[in-house]
């Protein structure tokens, strides 16, 4: 039960990331200190990231509703792996914000 709650938290976070990166990129980029030019230059990249996050949230949510445990575990492991990549290539806070909830959910699902 607790594993499911944490997995739904991961779904909610990635749905929010999808919205922020696709619809709210201008505000998010300003928050990160991007110039107007950099914001426009990175808009398509952010849209791509938003689509990835929406897809991840959709598949993980589907797996939770369908009760497909192996897919839930695979998706959570993927989130952990991508949070490590994000931390190494962009910002360490990506691991904290995305990776830690996924690690907790994954650990609870494997117990």
N, C-alpha and C. Protein backbone atom coordinates (compact mmCIF):
# COMPACT_ATOMS: atom_id res chain seq x y z
N UNK A 1 0.82 -1.20 0.00
CA UNK A 1 0.00 0.00 0.00
C UNK A 1 0.87 1.26 0.00
N UNK A 2 1.87 1.30 0.87
CA UNK A 2 2.75 2.47 0.95
C UNK A 2 3.55 2.62 -0.34
N UNK A 3 3.95 1.49 -0.93
CA UNK A 3 4.66 1.54 -2.21
C UNK A 3 3.79 2.18 -3.28
N UNK A 4 2.52 1.86 -3.28
CA UNK A 4 1.59 2.42 -4.26
C UNK A 4 1.44 3.92 -4.06
N UNK A 5 1.35 4.35 -2.82
CA UNK A 5 1.24 5.79 -2.53
C UNK A 5 2.47 6.53 -3.07
N UNK A 6 3.64 6.00 -2.80
CA UNK A 6 4.86 6.67 -3.28
C UNK A 6 4.96 6.61 -4.80
N UNK A 7 4.51 5.53 -5.41
CA UNK A 7 4.52 5.45 -6.87
C UNK A 7 3.57 6.50 -7.46
N UNK A 8 2.41 6.72 -6.83
CA UNK A 8 1.49 7.76 -7.31
C UNK A 8 2.09 9.15 -7.12
N UNK A 9 2.90 9.32 -6.10
CA UNK A 9 3.62 10.60 -5.92
C UNK A 9 4.56 10.82 -7.10
N UNK A 10 5.24 9.76 -7.53
CA UNK A 10 6.13 9.85 -8.69
C UNK A 10 5.32 10.22 -9.94
N UNK A 11 4.14 9.60 -10.10
CA UNK A 11 3.27 9.94 -11.24
C UNK A 11 2.90 11.42 -11.19
N UNK A 12 2.47 11.89 -10.03
CA UNK A 12 2.05 13.29 -9.89
C UNK A 12 3.21 14.24 -10.18
N UNK A 13 4.39 13.93 -9.66
CA UNK A 13 5.55 14.79 -9.90
C UNK A 13 5.85 14.89 -11.39
N UNK A 14 5.83 13.75 -12.08
CA UNK A 14 6.16 13.77 -13.50
C UNK A 14 5.07 14.44 -14.33
N UNK A 15 3.83 14.35 -13.90
CA UNK A 15 2.77 15.10 -14.58
C UNK A 15 3.00 16.61 -14.41
N UNK A 16 3.41 17.02 -13.21
CA UNK A 16 3.73 18.43 -12.98
C UNK A 16 4.95 18.88 -13.78
N UNK A 17 5.97 18.03 -13.84
CA UNK A 17 7.16 18.35 -14.64
C UNK A 17 6.76 18.52 -16.10
N UNK A 18 5.88 17.65 -16.59
CA UNK A 18 5.44 17.71 -17.98
C UNK A 18 4.76 19.04 -18.26
N UNK A 19 3.88 19.45 -17.38
CA UNK A 19 3.21 20.74 -17.55
C UNK A 19 4.19 21.90 -17.50
N UNK A 20 5.08 21.87 -16.53
CA UNK A 20 6.05 22.96 -16.37
C UNK A 20 6.97 23.07 -17.59
N UNK A 21 7.40 21.93 -18.12
CA UNK A 21 8.35 21.96 -19.23
C UNK A 21 7.68 22.23 -20.58
N UNK A 22 6.45 21.84 -20.72
CA UNK A 22 5.80 22.04 -22.02
C UNK A 22 4.99 23.34 -22.04
N UNK A 23 4.12 23.53 -21.08
CA UNK A 23 3.24 24.70 -21.07
C UNK A 23 3.89 25.89 -20.36
N UNK A 24 4.58 25.64 -19.28
CA UNK A 24 5.12 26.72 -18.47
C UNK A 24 6.60 26.97 -18.61
N UNK A 25 7.16 26.65 -19.79
CA UNK A 25 8.61 26.74 -19.94
C UNK A 25 9.14 28.16 -19.72
N UNK A 26 8.43 29.18 -20.18
CA UNK A 26 8.93 30.55 -20.04
C UNK A 26 9.14 30.90 -18.57
N UNK A 27 8.17 30.59 -17.73
CA UNK A 27 8.30 30.89 -16.29
C UNK A 27 9.38 30.04 -15.66
N UNK A 28 9.43 28.78 -16.02
CA UNK A 28 10.43 27.88 -15.44
C UNK A 28 11.84 28.31 -15.84
N UNK A 29 12.02 28.68 -17.10
CA UNK A 29 13.33 29.12 -17.58
C UNK A 29 13.78 30.38 -16.86
N UNK A 30 12.85 31.31 -16.64
CA UNK A 30 13.19 32.52 -15.89
C UNK A 30 13.64 32.17 -14.48
N UNK A 31 12.94 31.22 -13.88
CA UNK A 31 13.29 30.79 -12.52
C UNK A 31 14.72 30.23 -12.48
N UNK A 32 15.13 29.57 -13.57
CA UNK A 32 16.49 29.03 -13.66
C UNK A 32 17.51 30.07 -14.10
N UNK A 33 17.03 31.30 -14.38
CA UNK A 33 17.94 32.37 -14.76
C UNK A 33 18.29 32.43 -16.23
N UNK A 34 17.51 31.78 -17.09
CA UNK A 34 17.76 31.82 -18.53
C UNK A 34 17.39 33.19 -19.08
N UNK A 35 18.15 33.64 -20.05
CA UNK A 35 17.81 34.87 -20.77
C UNK A 35 16.62 34.57 -21.69
N UNK A 36 16.02 35.62 -22.22
CA UNK A 36 14.90 35.44 -23.15
C UNK A 36 15.35 34.64 -24.38
N UNK A 37 16.55 34.91 -24.85
CA UNK A 37 17.08 34.19 -26.00
C UNK A 37 17.30 32.71 -25.67
N UNK A 38 17.89 32.44 -24.52
CA UNK A 38 18.11 31.05 -24.11
C UNK A 38 16.79 30.31 -23.91
N UNK A 39 15.81 31.02 -23.40
CA UNK A 39 14.48 30.40 -23.21
C UNK A 39 13.92 29.96 -24.55
N UNK A 40 14.01 30.81 -25.54
CA UNK A 40 13.49 30.46 -26.87
C UNK A 40 14.30 29.35 -27.51
N UNK A 41 15.62 29.40 -27.32
CA UNK A 41 16.49 28.39 -27.90
C UNK A 41 16.20 27.01 -27.31
N UNK A 42 15.86 26.95 -26.05
CA UNK A 42 15.65 25.67 -25.37
C UNK A 42 14.19 25.23 -25.33
N UNK A 43 13.30 26.03 -25.87
CA UNK A 43 11.86 25.72 -25.80
C UNK A 43 11.53 24.33 -26.37
N UNK A 44 12.08 23.98 -27.52
CA UNK A 44 11.78 22.67 -28.12
C UNK A 44 12.38 21.53 -27.30
N UNK A 45 13.54 21.76 -26.72
CA UNK A 45 14.12 20.74 -25.84
C UNK A 45 13.23 20.53 -24.63
N UNK A 46 12.74 21.61 -24.06
CA UNK A 46 11.85 21.51 -22.90
C UNK A 46 10.56 20.80 -23.25
N UNK A 47 10.02 21.07 -24.43
CA UNK A 47 8.81 20.39 -24.88
C UNK A 47 9.06 18.89 -24.99
N UNK A 48 10.23 18.51 -25.49
CA UNK A 48 10.59 17.10 -25.57
C UNK A 48 10.67 16.48 -24.18
N UNK A 49 11.31 17.17 -23.25
CA UNK A 49 11.38 16.68 -21.87
C UNK A 49 9.99 16.56 -21.27
N UNK A 50 9.13 17.53 -21.56
CA UNK A 50 7.77 17.49 -21.06
C UNK A 50 7.02 16.29 -21.59
N UNK A 51 7.22 15.98 -22.88
CA UNK A 51 6.57 14.81 -23.47
C UNK A 51 7.08 13.52 -22.82
N UNK A 52 8.37 13.45 -22.56
CA UNK A 52 8.95 12.29 -21.86
C UNK A 52 8.30 12.13 -20.49
N UNK A 53 8.20 13.22 -19.76
CA UNK A 53 7.62 13.15 -18.42
C UNK A 53 6.14 12.78 -18.45
N UNK A 54 5.39 13.30 -19.43
CA UNK A 54 3.98 12.95 -19.56
C UNK A 54 3.84 11.46 -19.89
N UNK A 55 4.66 10.98 -20.79
CA UNK A 55 4.62 9.55 -21.14
C UNK A 55 4.97 8.67 -19.98
N UNK A 56 5.98 9.06 -19.24
CA UNK A 56 6.38 8.29 -18.07
C UNK A 56 5.25 8.25 -17.03
N UNK A 57 4.64 9.40 -16.78
CA UNK A 57 3.52 9.46 -15.83
C UNK A 57 2.36 8.61 -16.32
N UNK A 58 2.07 8.64 -17.61
CA UNK A 58 0.96 7.87 -18.16
C UNK A 58 1.20 6.36 -18.03
N UNK A 59 2.38 5.91 -18.40
CA UNK A 59 2.67 4.48 -18.34
C UNK A 59 2.72 4.00 -16.89
N UNK A 60 3.36 4.76 -16.03
CA UNK A 60 3.42 4.36 -14.62
C UNK A 60 2.02 4.37 -14.00
N UNK A 61 1.23 5.38 -14.30
CA UNK A 61 -0.14 5.42 -13.80
C UNK A 61 -0.97 4.26 -14.32
N UNK A 62 -0.83 3.94 -15.61
CA UNK A 62 -1.54 2.79 -16.18
C UNK A 62 -1.13 1.51 -15.47
N UNK A 63 0.17 1.32 -15.27
CA UNK A 63 0.65 0.10 -14.61
C UNK A 63 0.09 -0.02 -13.19
N UNK A 64 0.00 1.11 -12.49
CA UNK A 64 -0.56 1.09 -11.14
C UNK A 64 -2.04 0.72 -11.17
N UNK A 65 -2.80 1.32 -12.08
CA UNK A 65 -4.23 1.04 -12.18
C UNK A 65 -4.46 -0.41 -12.61
N UNK A 66 -3.65 -0.90 -13.54
CA UNK A 66 -3.79 -2.26 -14.05
C UNK A 66 -3.24 -3.30 -13.10
N UNK A 67 -2.52 -2.85 -12.07
CA UNK A 67 -1.92 -3.79 -11.13
C UNK A 67 -0.78 -4.59 -11.73
N UNK A 68 -0.05 -3.99 -12.67
CA UNK A 68 1.05 -4.67 -13.34
C UNK A 68 2.37 -4.33 -12.65
N UNK A 69 2.64 -5.08 -11.60
CA UNK A 69 3.82 -4.84 -10.76
C UNK A 69 5.15 -4.78 -11.49
N UNK A 70 5.42 -5.72 -12.41
CA UNK A 70 6.72 -5.66 -13.10
C UNK A 70 6.93 -4.36 -13.88
N UNK A 71 5.86 -3.84 -14.47
CA UNK A 71 5.99 -2.57 -15.20
C UNK A 71 6.21 -1.41 -14.24
N UNK A 72 5.52 -1.44 -13.10
CA UNK A 72 5.73 -0.41 -12.08
C UNK A 72 7.19 -0.40 -11.65
N UNK A 73 7.73 -1.56 -11.37
CA UNK A 73 9.13 -1.67 -10.93
C UNK A 73 10.07 -1.18 -12.03
N UNK A 74 9.82 -1.59 -13.28
CA UNK A 74 10.67 -1.16 -14.39
C UNK A 74 10.63 0.35 -14.57
N UNK A 75 9.45 0.94 -14.49
CA UNK A 75 9.33 2.39 -14.66
C UNK A 75 10.01 3.14 -13.52
N UNK A 76 9.85 2.66 -12.30
CA UNK A 76 10.51 3.31 -11.16
C UNK A 76 12.02 3.22 -11.29
N UNK A 77 12.52 2.06 -11.72
CA UNK A 77 13.96 1.90 -11.93
C UNK A 77 14.45 2.86 -13.02
N UNK A 78 13.64 3.04 -14.05
CA UNK A 78 13.98 3.97 -15.12
C UNK A 78 14.07 5.40 -14.60
N UNK A 79 13.12 5.79 -13.76
CA UNK A 79 13.14 7.13 -13.17
C UNK A 79 14.42 7.33 -12.35
N UNK A 80 14.77 6.32 -11.56
CA UNK A 80 16.00 6.41 -10.76
C UNK A 80 17.21 6.59 -11.67
N UNK A 81 17.29 5.78 -12.72
CA UNK A 81 18.42 5.87 -13.65
C UNK A 81 18.48 7.24 -14.31
N UNK A 82 17.34 7.74 -14.75
CA UNK A 82 17.32 9.04 -15.42
C UNK A 82 17.61 10.19 -14.46
N UNK A 83 17.26 10.01 -13.19
CA UNK A 83 17.59 11.05 -12.20
C UNK A 83 19.10 11.11 -11.97
N UNK A 84 19.76 9.99 -12.07
CA UNK A 84 21.22 9.97 -11.95
C UNK A 84 21.85 10.66 -13.15
N UNK A 85 21.33 10.36 -14.34
CA UNK A 85 21.83 11.03 -15.55
C UNK A 85 21.59 12.54 -15.46
N UNK A 86 20.40 12.92 -15.04
CA UNK A 86 20.09 14.34 -14.90
C UNK A 86 20.97 15.04 -13.90
N UNK A 87 21.24 14.37 -12.79
CA UNK A 87 22.11 14.96 -11.77
C UNK A 87 23.54 15.12 -12.28
N UNK A 88 24.00 14.14 -13.03
CA UNK A 88 25.37 14.19 -13.55
C UNK A 88 25.52 15.19 -14.69
N UNK A 89 24.46 15.41 -15.46
CA UNK A 89 24.59 16.24 -16.65
C UNK A 89 23.99 17.64 -16.53
N UNK A 90 23.06 17.84 -15.58
CA UNK A 90 22.39 19.14 -15.50
C UNK A 90 22.50 19.73 -14.10
N UNK A 91 21.78 19.16 -13.14
CA UNK A 91 21.75 19.66 -11.76
C UNK A 91 21.61 18.50 -10.80
N UNK A 92 22.31 18.57 -9.69
CA UNK A 92 22.23 17.51 -8.69
C UNK A 92 20.84 17.44 -8.06
N UNK A 93 20.12 18.56 -8.08
CA UNK A 93 18.78 18.56 -7.47
C UNK A 93 17.80 17.67 -8.22
N UNK A 94 18.08 17.36 -9.48
CA UNK A 94 17.22 16.44 -10.22
C UNK A 94 17.17 15.10 -9.51
N UNK A 95 18.31 14.65 -9.01
CA UNK A 95 18.32 13.38 -8.28
C UNK A 95 17.46 13.46 -7.03
N UNK A 96 17.56 14.56 -6.32
CA UNK A 96 16.79 14.71 -5.08
C UNK A 96 15.29 14.76 -5.36
N UNK A 97 14.91 15.58 -6.34
CA UNK A 97 13.49 15.80 -6.61
C UNK A 97 12.84 14.61 -7.31
N UNK A 98 13.53 14.01 -8.27
CA UNK A 98 12.94 12.91 -9.03
C UNK A 98 13.39 11.55 -8.52
N UNK A 99 14.66 11.44 -8.17
CA UNK A 99 15.21 10.14 -7.82
C UNK A 99 14.81 9.63 -6.46
N UNK A 100 14.84 10.50 -5.47
CA UNK A 100 14.55 10.04 -4.10
C UNK A 100 13.14 9.47 -3.96
N UNK A 101 12.09 10.17 -4.45
CA UNK A 101 10.75 9.55 -4.34
C UNK A 101 10.67 8.22 -5.09
N UNK A 102 11.33 8.13 -6.25
CA UNK A 102 11.31 6.89 -7.02
C UNK A 102 12.07 5.78 -6.29
N UNK A 103 13.17 6.13 -5.65
CA UNK A 103 13.93 5.13 -4.88
C UNK A 103 13.09 4.61 -3.73
N UNK A 104 12.41 5.50 -3.03
CA UNK A 104 11.55 5.07 -1.91
C UNK A 104 10.45 4.15 -2.43
N UNK A 105 9.77 4.56 -3.52
CA UNK A 105 8.71 3.74 -4.08
C UNK A 105 9.24 2.39 -4.55
N UNK A 106 10.39 2.39 -5.21
CA UNK A 106 10.99 1.17 -5.70
C UNK A 106 11.39 0.24 -4.56
N UNK A 107 12.02 0.79 -3.55
CA UNK A 107 12.42 -0.02 -2.39
C UNK A 107 11.19 -0.66 -1.72
N UNK A 108 10.14 0.14 -1.55
CA UNK A 108 8.92 -0.38 -0.92
C UNK A 108 8.25 -1.44 -1.80
N UNK A 109 8.31 -1.24 -3.12
CA UNK A 109 7.70 -2.22 -4.03
C UNK A 109 8.47 -3.54 -4.03
N UNK A 110 9.77 -3.46 -3.81
CA UNK A 110 10.59 -4.67 -3.83
C UNK A 110 10.59 -5.42 -2.50
N UNK A 111 10.13 -4.77 -1.46
CA UNK A 111 10.10 -5.41 -0.13
C UNK A 111 8.93 -6.38 -0.05
